[in-house]
Amino acid sequence: MIDITYEVLERNNLQDAYIRPLLICSPNMSLTKGKESDLLIAAWDWTSFLGTKPLRVTVSPFARPNPNAFNVRAKVGGHYVNSIMASQEAKDRGFDDALLLDNYRNVAEAPGANIFFEKDGVLYTPPTGNILPGITRATVFELCEELNIKVVEKKFLPEELKSADGAFYCGTAVEVLGLESIDDVPFKKQFDDTIGKQIQTAYADLVREKMVIKSFAEAI
């Protein structure tokens, strides 16, 4: 799949692109398991999914699907109907994006991203169970280990999130993007002064293979 992906990029002369692999089942109207599947890998130029400025988000009236009803750990196309409804409702009310809770009112995730918040130098994020454990989320964990930043997985309510120093969304499309406020309650710190900003910079450098080369004078 990696080799095919590079071929897709090369054939389309793409250097910085969004890559979407899809497994498509054979036509099936009998509600039974598909007998075969096809692989499709698409890639296209993509500017910032939600822009580059910190987001104003709101708690959505739409909840994250019950994990007993769906395999919420899987990245399934049909799950995004829930995300679309939440995102559109938030934007209709003048916000940049939504924040979904689980059935117990704990914070789960954004319509298309995971969430982290900062408090007293520690990052917190919802545990697996009601979220999609995204690839970018896993990369944030790796970056935090390299940067010696403590990360704690725990359940938390919106009220705790609103008292945080800062927060950010992360995902393949959004990459790492800061939050300005939740329901118009601003975070205590400007995003540029948070751990999230460090993660944002480190992530951008990683995925774009940015090389930092010291000058001869710096080296000696």
N, C-alpha and C. Protein backbone atom coordinates (compact mmCIF):
# COMPACT_ATOMS: atom_id res chain seq x y z
N MET A 1 0.83 -1.20 0.00
CA MET A 1 0.00 0.00 0.00
C MET A 1 0.87 1.26 0.00
N ILE A 2 1.99 1.21 0.71
CA ILE A 2 2.90 2.36 0.72
C ILE A 2 3.47 2.59 -0.67
N ASP A 3 3.88 1.51 -1.34
CA ASP A 3 4.43 1.64 -2.69
C ASP A 3 3.39 2.20 -3.66
N ILE A 4 2.15 1.73 -3.55
CA ILE A 4 1.08 2.23 -4.42
C ILE A 4 0.83 3.71 -4.15
N THR A 5 0.88 4.09 -2.88
CA THR A 5 0.64 5.48 -2.51
C THR A 5 1.69 6.39 -3.13
N TYR A 6 2.96 5.98 -3.07
CA TYR A 6 4.01 6.78 -3.70
C TYR A 6 3.79 6.89 -5.20
N GLU A 7 3.30 5.81 -5.82
CA GLU A 7 3.04 5.85 -7.25
C GLU A 7 1.92 6.83 -7.58
N VAL A 8 0.87 6.83 -6.74
CA VAL A 8 -0.24 7.79 -6.93
C VAL A 8 0.29 9.22 -6.86
N LEU A 9 1.14 9.50 -5.86
CA LEU A 9 1.71 10.84 -5.72
C LEU A 9 2.56 11.21 -6.93
N GLU A 10 3.38 10.25 -7.38
CA GLU A 10 4.28 10.53 -8.50
C GLU A 10 3.50 10.78 -9.79
N ARG A 11 2.50 9.95 -10.05
CA ARG A 11 1.72 10.10 -11.29
C ARG A 11 0.97 11.44 -11.32
N ASN A 12 0.62 11.95 -10.16
CA ASN A 12 -0.14 13.20 -10.09
C ASN A 12 0.73 14.40 -9.72
N ASN A 13 2.05 14.17 -9.68
CA ASN A 13 3.00 15.25 -9.41
C ASN A 13 2.65 15.99 -8.12
N LEU A 14 2.39 15.23 -7.06
CA LEU A 14 2.02 15.80 -5.77
C LEU A 14 3.16 15.62 -4.76
N GLN A 15 3.46 16.68 -4.03
CA GLN A 15 4.49 16.64 -2.99
C GLN A 15 3.89 16.75 -1.59
N ASP A 16 2.88 17.61 -1.45
CA ASP A 16 2.23 17.84 -0.15
C ASP A 16 0.73 17.64 -0.36
N ALA A 17 0.26 16.43 -0.10
CA ALA A 17 -1.11 16.08 -0.46
C ALA A 17 -1.83 15.36 0.67
N TYR A 18 -3.15 15.35 0.56
CA TYR A 18 -3.98 14.53 1.45
C TYR A 18 -4.15 13.17 0.79
N ILE A 19 -3.88 12.11 1.52
CA ILE A 19 -3.95 10.75 0.99
C ILE A 19 -5.08 10.01 1.68
N ARG A 20 -5.97 9.41 0.88
CA ARG A 20 -7.10 8.70 1.47
C ARG A 20 -7.21 7.28 0.90
N PRO A 21 -6.77 6.26 1.65
CA PRO A 21 -7.00 4.88 1.22
C PRO A 21 -8.41 4.43 1.63
N LEU A 22 -9.08 3.74 0.73
CA LEU A 22 -10.44 3.26 1.00
C LEU A 22 -10.56 1.80 0.60
N LEU A 23 -11.19 1.01 1.46
CA LEU A 23 -11.57 -0.35 1.11
C LEU A 23 -13.07 -0.35 0.80
N ILE A 24 -13.42 -0.79 -0.39
CA ILE A 24 -14.81 -0.76 -0.83
C ILE A 24 -15.30 -2.20 -1.00
N CYS A 25 -16.39 -2.53 -0.30
CA CYS A 25 -16.94 -3.89 -0.39
C CYS A 25 -17.71 -4.07 -1.70
N SER A 26 -17.86 -5.31 -2.09
CA SER A 26 -18.64 -5.62 -3.28
C SER A 26 -20.10 -5.24 -3.05
N PRO A 27 -20.87 -4.93 -4.13
CA PRO A 27 -22.29 -4.59 -3.97
C PRO A 27 -23.03 -5.66 -3.16
N ASN A 28 -23.82 -5.20 -2.21
CA ASN A 28 -24.45 -6.16 -1.30
C ASN A 28 -25.72 -5.54 -0.73
N MET A 29 -26.87 -6.10 -1.08
CA MET A 29 -28.15 -5.62 -0.55
C MET A 29 -28.78 -6.63 0.40
N SER A 30 -28.02 -7.63 0.83
CA SER A 30 -28.59 -8.69 1.66
C SER A 30 -28.17 -8.58 3.13
N LEU A 31 -27.44 -7.51 3.49
CA LEU A 31 -27.01 -7.29 4.87
C LEU A 31 -26.15 -8.44 5.40
N THR A 32 -25.38 -9.04 4.51
CA THR A 32 -24.46 -10.10 4.90
C THR A 32 -23.03 -9.65 4.60
N LYS A 33 -22.05 -10.42 5.03
CA LYS A 33 -20.67 -10.07 4.81
C LYS A 33 -20.34 -10.01 3.33
N GLY A 34 -19.54 -9.02 2.95
CA GLY A 34 -19.11 -8.92 1.58
C GLY A 34 -18.16 -10.06 1.23
N LYS A 35 -18.23 -10.52 -0.01
CA LYS A 35 -17.39 -11.64 -0.43
C LYS A 35 -16.04 -11.20 -0.98
N GLU A 36 -15.93 -9.92 -1.33
CA GLU A 36 -14.66 -9.40 -1.84
C GLU A 36 -14.61 -7.90 -1.57
N SER A 37 -13.44 -7.33 -1.78
CA SER A 37 -13.29 -5.89 -1.57
C SER A 37 -12.26 -5.35 -2.55
N ASP A 38 -12.34 -4.06 -2.79
CA ASP A 38 -11.40 -3.37 -3.68
C ASP A 38 -10.71 -2.27 -2.89
N LEU A 39 -9.44 -2.04 -3.24
CA LEU A 39 -8.66 -0.98 -2.61
C LEU A 39 -8.58 0.21 -3.55
N LEU A 40 -8.89 1.39 -3.00
CA LEU A 40 -8.76 2.63 -3.75
C LEU A 40 -7.89 3.58 -2.94
N ILE A 41 -6.89 4.19 -3.56
CA ILE A 41 -6.07 5.18 -2.89
C ILE A 41 -6.14 6.48 -3.67
N ALA A 42 -6.68 7.50 -3.05
CA ALA A 42 -6.83 8.81 -3.70
C ALA A 42 -5.90 9.81 -3.02
N ALA A 43 -5.49 10.81 -3.77
CA ALA A 43 -4.65 11.88 -3.22
C ALA A 43 -4.95 13.17 -3.96
N TRP A 44 -4.97 14.26 -3.23
CA TRP A 44 -5.24 15.55 -3.85
C TRP A 44 -4.65 16.68 -3.02
N ASP A 45 -4.44 17.82 -3.67
CA ASP A 45 -4.00 19.02 -2.96
C ASP A 45 -5.07 19.41 -1.95
N TRP A 46 -4.64 19.78 -0.76
CA TRP A 46 -5.60 20.14 0.27
C TRP A 46 -5.02 21.28 1.10
N THR A 47 -5.70 22.41 1.07
CA THR A 47 -5.30 23.50 1.95
C THR A 47 -5.80 23.16 3.35
N SER A 48 -5.51 23.99 4.32
CA SER A 48 -5.87 23.71 5.70
C SER A 48 -7.36 23.41 5.83
N PHE A 49 -7.68 22.28 6.42
CA PHE A 49 -9.05 21.78 6.52
C PHE A 49 -9.97 22.74 7.26
N LEU A 50 -9.50 23.25 8.40
CA LEU A 50 -10.29 24.19 9.21
C LEU A 50 -9.57 25.52 9.37
N GLY A 51 -8.67 25.82 8.43
CA GLY A 51 -7.92 27.06 8.53
C GLY A 51 -6.68 26.89 9.40
N THR A 52 -6.07 28.00 9.74
CA THR A 52 -4.84 27.98 10.54
C THR A 52 -4.97 28.70 11.87
N LYS A 53 -6.07 29.41 12.08
CA LYS A 53 -6.26 30.15 13.33
C LYS A 53 -6.94 29.26 14.37
N PRO A 54 -6.67 29.50 15.67
CA PRO A 54 -7.36 28.74 16.73
C PRO A 54 -8.88 28.81 16.56
N LEU A 55 -9.52 27.70 16.85
CA LEU A 55 -10.94 27.54 16.57
C LEU A 55 -11.84 27.91 17.75
N ARG A 56 -13.00 28.46 17.39
CA ARG A 56 -14.10 28.62 18.35
C ARG A 56 -15.02 27.42 18.17
N VAL A 57 -15.09 26.56 19.18
CA VAL A 57 -15.89 25.35 19.05
C VAL A 57 -17.00 25.34 20.09
N THR A 58 -17.99 24.50 19.86
CA THR A 58 -19.14 24.40 20.75
C THR A 58 -19.47 22.94 21.01
N VAL A 59 -19.97 22.66 22.20
CA VAL A 59 -20.41 21.31 22.53
C VAL A 59 -21.65 20.99 21.70
N SER A 60 -21.61 19.89 20.98
CA SER A 60 -22.68 19.54 20.05
C SER A 60 -23.85 18.85 20.75
N PRO A 61 -25.07 19.08 20.28
CA PRO A 61 -26.21 18.31 20.79
C PRO A 61 -26.20 16.88 20.27
N PHE A 62 -25.37 16.60 19.25
CA PHE A 62 -25.23 15.25 18.72
C PHE A 62 -24.12 14.53 19.49
N ALA A 63 -24.42 13.35 20.03
CA ALA A 63 -23.45 12.58 20.80
C ALA A 63 -22.66 11.66 19.88
N ARG A 64 -21.48 11.29 20.34
CA ARG A 64 -20.68 10.28 19.66
C ARG A 64 -21.46 8.96 19.71
N PRO A 65 -21.47 8.17 18.60
CA PRO A 65 -22.23 6.92 18.60
C PRO A 65 -21.86 5.98 19.74
N ASN A 66 -22.86 5.31 20.26
CA ASN A 66 -22.66 4.35 21.34
C ASN A 66 -21.73 3.22 20.86
N PRO A 67 -20.65 2.92 21.59
CA PRO A 67 -19.73 1.86 21.15
C PRO A 67 -20.36 0.48 21.14
N ASN A 68 -21.50 0.31 21.81
CA ASN A 68 -22.20 -0.97 21.75
C ASN A 68 -23.07 -1.08 20.50
N ALA A 69 -23.25 0.04 19.79
CA ALA A 69 -24.05 0.02 18.58
C ALA A 69 -23.20 0.00 17.32
N PHE A 70 -21.97 0.57 17.39
CA PHE A 70 -21.07 0.63 16.25
C PHE A 70 -19.66 0.27 16.70
N ASN A 71 -18.84 -0.13 15.76
CA ASN A 71 -17.41 -0.32 16.05
C ASN A 71 -16.75 1.05 15.89
N VAL A 72 -16.81 1.86 16.96
CA VAL A 72 -16.35 3.25 16.87
C VAL A 72 -14.83 3.35 16.71
N ARG A 73 -14.10 2.26 16.96
CA ARG A 73 -12.65 2.28 16.79
C ARG A 73 -12.26 2.18 15.32
N ALA A 74 -13.21 1.83 14.46
CA ALA A 74 -12.92 1.67 13.04
C ALA A 74 -13.21 2.98 12.30
N LYS A 75 -12.41 3.24 11.27
CA LYS A 75 -12.61 4.43 10.44
C LYS A 75 -13.52 4.03 9.29
N VAL A 76 -14.83 4.11 9.54
CA VAL A 76 -15.84 3.66 8.59
C VAL A 76 -16.56 4.87 8.00
N GLY A 77 -16.75 4.86 6.69
CA GLY A 77 -17.36 6.00 6.02
C GLY A 77 -18.71 6.39 6.60
N GLY A 78 -19.54 5.39 6.91
CA GLY A 78 -20.87 5.68 7.43
C GLY A 78 -20.88 6.42 8.76
N HIS A 79 -19.83 6.27 9.54
CA HIS A 79 -19.76 6.96 10.84
C HIS A 79 -19.73 8.47 10.66
N TYR A 80 -19.28 8.93 9.50
CA TYR A 80 -19.11 10.37 9.31
C TYR A 80 -20.42 11.11 9.11
N VAL A 81 -21.54 10.39 8.96
CA VAL A 81 -22.85 11.05 8.94
C VAL A 81 -23.06 11.77 10.26
N ASN A 82 -22.71 11.12 11.35
CA ASN A 82 -22.78 11.73 12.68
C ASN A 82 -21.90 12.98 12.75
N SER A 83 -20.69 12.88 12.20
CA SER A 83 -19.75 14.00 12.22
C SER A 83 -20.28 15.17 11.38
N ILE A 84 -20.85 14.86 10.22
CA ILE A 84 -21.37 15.90 9.34
C ILE A 84 -22.49 16.66 10.03
N MET A 85 -23.41 15.95 10.68
CA MET A 85 -24.53 16.62 11.36
C MET A 85 -24.02 17.52 12.48
N ALA A 86 -23.04 17.04 13.25
CA ALA A 86 -22.50 17.84 14.34
C ALA A 86 -21.78 19.08 13.83
N SER A 87 -20.97 18.90 12.81
CA SER A 87 -20.21 20.02 12.26
C SER A 87 -21.12 21.07 11.64
N GLN A 88 -22.10 20.63 10.86
CA GLN A 88 -23.00 21.58 10.21
C GLN A 88 -23.83 22.36 11.24
N GLU A 89 -24.29 21.66 12.28
CA GLU A 89 -25.08 22.34 13.31
C GLU A 89 -24.26 23.41 14.01
N ALA A 90 -22.99 23.11 14.31
CA ALA A 90 -22.12 24.07 14.98
C ALA A 90 -21.88 25.29 14.10
N LYS A 91 -21.62 25.06 12.82
CA LYS A 91 -21.35 26.18 11.91
C LYS A 91 -22.60 27.01 11.68
N ASP A 92 -23.76 26.38 11.68
CA ASP A 92 -25.01 27.14 11.56
C ASP A 92 -25.20 28.09 12.74
N ARG A 93 -24.61 27.76 13.88
CA ARG A 93 -24.71 28.62 15.06
C ARG A 93 -23.54 29.59 15.17
N GLY A 94 -22.69 29.64 14.13
CA GLY A 94 -21.63 30.63 14.10
C GLY A 94 -20.30 30.19 14.65
N PHE A 95 -20.14 28.89 14.96
CA PHE A 95 -18.88 28.39 15.47
C PHE A 95 -18.06 27.78 14.33
N ASP A 96 -16.78 27.54 14.60
CA ASP A 96 -15.90 26.96 13.59
C ASP A 96 -16.07 25.45 13.47
N ASP A 97 -16.38 24.80 14.59
CA ASP A 97 -16.53 23.34 14.58
C ASP A 97 -17.21 22.90 15.86
N ALA A 98 -17.46 21.60 15.95
CA ALA A 98 -18.19 21.03 17.08
C ALA A 98 -17.27 20.21 17.97
N LEU A 99 -17.78 19.88 19.14
CA LEU A 99 -17.13 18.95 20.07
C LEU A 99 -18.19 17.97 20.53
N LEU A 100 -17.96 16.68 20.30
CA LEU A 100 -18.95 15.66 20.64
C LEU A 100 -18.64 15.02 21.99
N LEU A 101 -19.70 14.74 22.74
CA LEU A 101 -19.59 14.04 24.01
C LEU A 101 -20.02 12.59 23.82
N ASP A 102 -19.73 11.74 24.82
CA ASP A 102 -20.24 10.37 24.77
C ASP A 102 -21.58 10.31 25.48
N ASN A 103 -22.10 9.11 25.67
CA ASN A 103 -23.42 8.96 26.28
C ASN A 103 -23.46 9.38 27.74
N TYR A 104 -22.29 9.53 28.36
CA TYR A 104 -22.22 9.91 29.77
C TYR A 104 -21.77 11.36 29.94
N ARG A 105 -21.81 12.13 28.84
CA ARG A 105 -21.45 13.55 28.82
C ARG A 105 -19.95 13.79 28.98
N ASN A 106 -19.16 12.75 28.88
CA ASN A 106 -17.71 12.95 28.85
C ASN A 106 -17.30 13.42 27.46
N VAL A 107 -16.25 14.22 27.41
CA VAL A 107 -15.73 14.68 26.13
C VAL A 107 -15.20 13.49 25.33
N ALA A 108 -15.57 13.40 24.07
CA ALA A 108 -15.11 12.30 23.21
C ALA A 108 -14.12 12.82 22.16
N GLU A 109 -14.62 13.53 21.16
CA GLU A 109 -13.75 13.99 20.08
C GLU A 109 -14.46 15.02 19.23
N ALA A 110 -13.74 15.56 18.26
CA ALA A 110 -14.32 16.47 17.28
C ALA A 110 -14.95 15.65 16.16
N PRO A 111 -15.68 16.28 15.25
CA PRO A 111 -16.28 15.53 14.14
C PRO A 111 -15.25 14.79 13.29
N GLY A 112 -14.03 15.32 13.18
CA GLY A 112 -13.02 14.66 12.38
C GLY A 112 -11.64 14.73 12.99
N ALA A 113 -11.57 14.76 14.31
CA ALA A 113 -10.27 14.90 14.98
C ALA A 113 -10.37 14.48 16.43
N ASN A 114 -9.22 14.18 17.02
CA ASN A 114 -9.13 13.93 18.46
C ASN A 114 -8.80 15.23 19.18
N ILE A 115 -8.95 15.23 20.50
CA ILE A 115 -8.72 16.44 21.28
C ILE A 115 -7.75 16.18 22.42
N PHE A 116 -6.90 17.17 22.70
CA PHE A 116 -6.01 17.19 23.86
C PHE A 116 -6.22 18.53 24.56
N PHE A 117 -6.09 18.54 25.90
CA PHE A 117 -6.07 19.82 26.59
C PHE A 117 -4.90 19.86 27.57
N GLU A 118 -4.48 21.08 27.89
CA GLU A 118 -3.31 21.30 28.74
C GLU A 118 -3.73 21.89 30.08
N LYS A 119 -3.15 21.37 31.15
CA LYS A 119 -3.39 21.92 32.49
C LYS A 119 -2.12 21.76 33.32
N ASP A 120 -1.55 22.88 33.75
CA ASP A 120 -0.35 22.88 34.59
C ASP A 120 0.79 22.04 33.98
N GLY A 121 1.00 22.19 32.69
CA GLY A 121 2.13 21.53 32.04
C GLY A 121 1.93 20.08 31.66
N VAL A 122 0.72 19.56 31.85
CA VAL A 122 0.39 18.16 31.51
C VAL A 122 -0.69 18.15 30.44
N LEU A 123 -0.57 17.25 29.47
CA LEU A 123 -1.60 17.09 28.45
C LEU A 123 -2.56 15.96 28.84
N TYR A 124 -3.83 16.17 28.57
CA TYR A 124 -4.86 15.17 28.85
C TYR A 124 -5.66 14.91 27.58
N THR A 125 -6.10 13.67 27.41
CA THR A 125 -6.90 13.31 26.25
C THR A 125 -7.83 12.15 26.61
N PRO A 126 -9.01 12.07 26.00
CA PRO A 126 -9.92 10.97 26.31
C PRO A 126 -9.29 9.61 26.00
N PRO A 127 -9.62 8.59 26.79
CA PRO A 127 -9.10 7.24 26.53
C PRO A 127 -9.87 6.60 25.38
N THR A 128 -9.37 5.48 24.90
CA THR A 128 -10.09 4.73 23.88
C THR A 128 -11.36 4.16 24.48
N GLY A 129 -12.30 3.83 23.63
CA GLY A 129 -13.58 3.28 24.07
C GLY A 129 -14.72 3.96 23.36
N ASN A 130 -14.72 5.31 23.36
CA ASN A 130 -15.75 6.07 22.66
C ASN A 130 -15.17 6.95 21.56
N ILE A 131 -13.89 6.77 21.25
CA ILE A 131 -13.24 7.62 20.26
C ILE A 131 -12.65 6.77 19.14
N LEU A 132 -12.32 7.45 18.03
CA LEU A 132 -11.50 6.83 17.00
C LEU A 132 -10.04 7.09 17.39
N PRO A 133 -9.27 6.06 17.70
CA PRO A 133 -7.86 6.26 18.06
C PRO A 133 -7.04 6.59 16.81
N GLY A 134 -7.00 7.86 16.47
CA GLY A 134 -6.43 8.28 15.20
C GLY A 134 -4.93 8.12 15.08
N ILE A 135 -4.46 8.10 13.83
CA ILE A 135 -3.03 8.00 13.55
C ILE A 135 -2.30 9.24 14.06
N THR A 136 -2.89 10.40 13.85
CA THR A 136 -2.25 11.64 14.31
C THR A 136 -2.21 11.68 15.83
N ARG A 137 -3.24 11.18 16.48
CA ARG A 137 -3.25 11.09 17.95
C ARG A 137 -2.06 10.26 18.43
N ALA A 138 -1.81 9.13 17.76
CA ALA A 138 -0.68 8.27 18.14
C ALA A 138 0.64 9.00 17.92
N THR A 139 0.71 9.79 16.85
CA THR A 139 1.93 10.56 16.57
C THR A 139 2.16 11.62 17.64
N VAL A 140 1.09 12.23 18.13
CA VAL A 140 1.22 13.21 19.22
C VAL A 140 1.81 12.56 20.46
N PHE A 141 1.37 11.34 20.77
CA PHE A 141 1.95 10.61 21.90
C PHE A 141 3.45 10.41 21.70
N GLU A 142 3.85 10.05 20.49
CA GLU A 142 5.27 9.82 20.21
C GLU A 142 6.07 11.11 20.34
N LEU A 143 5.51 12.21 19.84
CA LEU A 143 6.20 13.50 19.94
C LEU A 143 6.33 13.94 21.40
N CYS A 144 5.29 13.70 22.18
CA CYS A 144 5.34 14.07 23.60
C CYS A 144 6.42 13.28 24.34
N GLU A 145 6.58 12.03 23.97
CA GLU A 145 7.63 11.22 24.59
C GLU A 145 9.01 11.79 24.25
N GLU A 146 9.18 12.19 23.00
CA GLU A 146 10.46 12.76 22.59
C GLU A 146 10.72 14.11 23.26
N LEU A 147 9.65 14.89 23.47
CA LEU A 147 9.78 16.22 24.05
C LEU A 147 9.66 16.22 25.57
N ASN A 148 9.53 15.02 26.15
CA ASN A 148 9.41 14.87 27.61
C ASN A 148 8.19 15.61 28.15
N ILE A 149 7.07 15.47 27.44
CA ILE A 149 5.80 16.06 27.87
C ILE A 149 4.90 14.95 28.37
N LYS A 150 4.39 15.09 29.57
CA LYS A 150 3.53 14.05 30.16
C LYS A 150 2.14 14.09 29.54
N VAL A 151 1.62 12.91 29.18
CA VAL A 151 0.26 12.80 28.63
C VAL A 151 -0.52 11.80 29.47
N VAL A 152 -1.74 12.19 29.84
CA VAL A 152 -2.61 11.33 30.65
C VAL A 152 -3.91 11.09 29.90
N GLU A 153 -4.30 9.83 29.77
CA GLU A 153 -5.59 9.49 29.19
C GLU A 153 -6.60 9.38 30.33
N LYS A 154 -7.69 10.14 30.25
CA LYS A 154 -8.71 10.11 31.30
C LYS A 154 -10.02 10.65 30.76
N LYS A 155 -11.09 10.30 31.44
CA LYS A 155 -12.40 10.84 31.09
C LYS A 155 -12.58 12.19 31.78
N PHE A 156 -13.22 13.13 31.06
CA PHE A 156 -13.44 14.44 31.66
C PHE A 156 -14.68 15.09 31.05
N LEU A 157 -15.32 15.95 31.82
CA LEU A 157 -16.52 16.64 31.39
C LEU A 157 -16.17 17.96 30.70
N PRO A 158 -17.10 18.54 29.96
CA PRO A 158 -16.83 19.83 29.32
C PRO A 158 -16.43 20.91 30.31
N GLU A 159 -16.98 20.86 31.52
CA GLU A 159 -16.67 21.87 32.53
C GLU A 159 -15.18 21.88 32.88
N GLU A 160 -14.56 20.69 32.95
CA GLU A 160 -13.13 20.61 33.23
C GLU A 160 -12.34 21.14 32.04
N LEU A 161 -12.78 20.82 30.85
CA LEU A 161 -12.10 21.29 29.65
C LEU A 161 -12.11 22.82 29.58
N LYS A 162 -13.22 23.43 29.97
CA LYS A 162 -13.34 24.89 29.89
C LYS A 162 -12.43 25.61 30.88
N SER A 163 -11.91 24.91 31.88
CA SER A 163 -10.99 25.52 32.85
C SER A 163 -9.53 25.26 32.50
N ALA A 164 -9.27 24.69 31.32
CA ALA A 164 -7.92 24.31 30.94
C ALA A 164 -7.09 25.52 30.52
N ASP A 165 -5.78 25.32 30.49
CA ASP A 165 -4.87 26.37 30.03
C ASP A 165 -4.93 26.52 28.51
N GLY A 166 -5.15 25.41 27.82
CA GLY A 166 -5.21 25.44 26.36
C GLY A 166 -5.67 24.09 25.85
N ALA A 167 -5.94 24.01 24.55
CA ALA A 167 -6.39 22.75 23.96
C ALA A 167 -6.14 22.78 22.46
N PHE A 168 -6.15 21.59 21.86
CA PHE A 168 -5.98 21.51 20.41
C PHE A 168 -6.64 20.26 19.86
N TYR A 169 -7.02 20.35 18.58
CA TYR A 169 -7.52 19.20 17.83
C TYR A 169 -6.36 18.62 17.04
N CYS A 170 -6.42 17.31 16.74
CA CYS A 170 -5.42 16.70 15.87
C CYS A 170 -6.07 15.61 15.03
N GLY A 171 -5.66 15.55 13.77
CA GLY A 171 -6.18 14.56 12.84
C GLY A 171 -5.47 14.67 11.51
N THR A 172 -5.67 13.71 10.64
CA THR A 172 -4.98 13.71 9.35
C THR A 172 -5.27 14.98 8.56
N ALA A 173 -6.53 15.39 8.52
CA ALA A 173 -6.91 16.57 7.74
C ALA A 173 -6.59 17.87 8.47
N VAL A 174 -6.91 17.93 9.75
CA VAL A 174 -6.72 19.16 10.52
C VAL A 174 -5.27 19.32 10.97
N GLU A 175 -4.50 18.22 10.96
CA GLU A 175 -3.13 18.16 11.48
C GLU A 175 -3.16 18.49 12.98
N VAL A 176 -2.50 19.55 13.43
CA VAL A 176 -2.60 19.98 14.83
C VAL A 176 -3.05 21.43 14.82
N LEU A 177 -4.21 21.70 15.40
CA LEU A 177 -4.80 23.04 15.33
C LEU A 177 -5.33 23.44 16.70
N GLY A 178 -4.93 24.62 17.15
CA GLY A 178 -5.31 25.10 18.48
C GLY A 178 -6.77 25.48 18.58
N LEU A 179 -7.26 25.49 19.81
CA LEU A 179 -8.62 25.96 20.11
C LEU A 179 -8.53 27.29 20.84
N GLU A 180 -9.42 28.17 20.49
CA GLU A 180 -9.50 29.48 21.16
C GLU A 180 -10.46 29.45 22.34
N SER A 181 -11.59 28.76 22.15
CA SER A 181 -12.62 28.76 23.19
C SER A 181 -13.57 27.59 23.01
N ILE A 182 -14.30 27.28 24.10
CA ILE A 182 -15.38 26.29 24.07
C ILE A 182 -16.64 27.01 24.50
N ASP A 183 -17.65 27.03 23.64
CA ASP A 183 -18.89 27.76 23.92
C ASP A 183 -18.60 29.20 24.35
N ASP A 184 -17.65 29.82 23.67
CA ASP A 184 -17.24 31.21 23.91
C ASP A 184 -16.57 31.42 25.26
N VAL A 185 -16.16 30.34 25.92
CA VAL A 185 -15.34 30.45 27.14
C VAL A 185 -13.89 30.29 26.70
N PRO A 186 -13.09 31.36 26.76
CA PRO A 186 -11.70 31.28 26.27
C PRO A 186 -10.81 30.49 27.22
N PHE A 187 -9.77 29.89 26.64
CA PHE A 187 -8.78 29.20 27.47
C PHE A 187 -7.88 30.22 28.15
N LYS A 188 -7.19 29.80 29.18
CA LYS A 188 -6.41 30.72 30.00
C LYS A 188 -5.20 31.28 29.26
N LYS A 189 -4.65 30.49 28.32
CA LYS A 189 -3.46 30.92 27.60
C LYS A 189 -3.77 31.12 26.12
N GLN A 190 -3.03 32.02 25.48
CA GLN A 190 -3.05 32.11 24.04
C GLN A 190 -2.38 30.85 23.47
N PHE A 191 -2.87 30.37 22.34
CA PHE A 191 -2.35 29.10 21.81
C PHE A 191 -0.85 29.16 21.59
N ASP A 192 -0.31 30.28 21.17
CA ASP A 192 1.13 30.39 20.90
C ASP A 192 1.97 30.19 22.16
N ASP A 193 1.35 30.26 23.33
CA ASP A 193 2.07 30.10 24.60
C ASP A 193 1.84 28.74 25.23
N THR A 194 1.26 27.80 24.48
CA THR A 194 0.89 26.51 25.05
C THR A 194 1.78 25.38 24.55
N ILE A 195 1.65 24.23 25.22
CA ILE A 195 2.32 23.01 24.76
C ILE A 195 1.82 22.63 23.38
N GLY A 196 0.55 22.89 23.13
CA GLY A 196 -0.03 22.56 21.84
C GLY A 196 0.72 23.20 20.68
N LYS A 197 1.20 24.42 20.88
CA LYS A 197 1.97 25.09 19.84
C LYS A 197 3.28 24.36 19.57
N GLN A 198 3.92 23.87 20.63
CA GLN A 198 5.14 23.07 20.46
C GLN A 198 4.85 21.81 19.65
N ILE A 199 3.73 21.16 19.98
CA ILE A 199 3.34 19.94 19.26
C ILE A 199 3.02 20.26 17.81
N GLN A 200 2.33 21.37 17.58
CA GLN A 200 1.98 21.77 16.22
C GLN A 200 3.24 21.94 15.36
N THR A 201 4.23 22.63 15.91
CA THR A 201 5.48 22.86 15.18
C THR A 201 6.23 21.56 14.93
N ALA A 202 6.33 20.73 15.98
CA ALA A 202 7.05 19.46 15.85
C ALA A 202 6.37 18.55 14.85
N TYR A 203 5.03 18.54 14.84
CA TYR A 203 4.29 17.68 13.91
C TYR A 203 4.50 18.15 12.47
N ALA A 204 4.42 19.45 12.24
CA ALA A 204 4.62 19.98 10.89
C ALA A 204 6.01 19.65 10.37
N ASP A 205 7.00 19.78 11.25
CA ASP A 205 8.38 19.45 10.85
C ASP A 205 8.52 17.96 10.51
N LEU A 206 7.84 17.11 11.28
CA LEU A 206 7.94 15.67 11.09
C LEU A 206 7.32 15.23 9.76
N VAL A 207 6.08 15.64 9.52
CA VAL A 207 5.38 15.13 8.34
C VAL A 207 5.92 15.73 7.04
N ARG A 208 6.55 16.88 7.13
CA ARG A 208 7.11 17.49 5.92
C ARG A 208 8.62 17.30 5.84
N GLU A 209 9.15 16.46 6.75
CA GLU A 209 10.58 16.10 6.74
C GLU A 209 11.46 17.34 6.72
N LYS A 210 11.11 18.31 7.55
CA LYS A 210 11.90 19.54 7.61
C LYS A 210 13.23 19.25 8.29
N MET A 211 14.30 19.64 7.68
CA MET A 211 15.63 19.44 8.23
C MET A 211 16.16 20.75 8.81
N VAL A 212 16.58 20.70 10.05
CA VAL A 212 17.16 21.87 10.69
C VAL A 212 18.67 21.70 10.68
N ILE A 213 19.36 22.49 9.87
CA ILE A 213 20.80 22.36 9.70
C ILE A 213 21.52 23.53 10.36
N LYS A 214 22.37 23.24 11.29
CA LYS A 214 23.13 24.28 11.96
C LYS A 214 24.22 24.82 11.04
N SER A 215 24.43 26.09 11.17
CA SER A 215 25.52 26.69 10.40
C SER A 215 26.85 26.27 11.02
N PHE A 216 27.93 26.46 10.25
CA PHE A 216 29.26 26.09 10.74
C PHE A 216 29.59 26.85 12.03
N ALA A 217 29.18 28.12 12.06
CA ALA A 217 29.46 28.94 13.25
C ALA A 217 28.74 28.40 14.48
N GLU A 218 27.48 27.96 14.29
CA GLU A 218 26.72 27.39 15.41
C GLU A 218 27.34 26.07 15.85
N ALA A 219 27.84 25.30 14.88
CA ALA A 219 28.38 23.98 15.20
C ALA A 219 29.63 24.06 16.05
N ILE A 220 30.43 25.13 15.82
CA ILE A 220 31.69 25.23 16.59
C ILE A 220 31.51 26.11 17.80
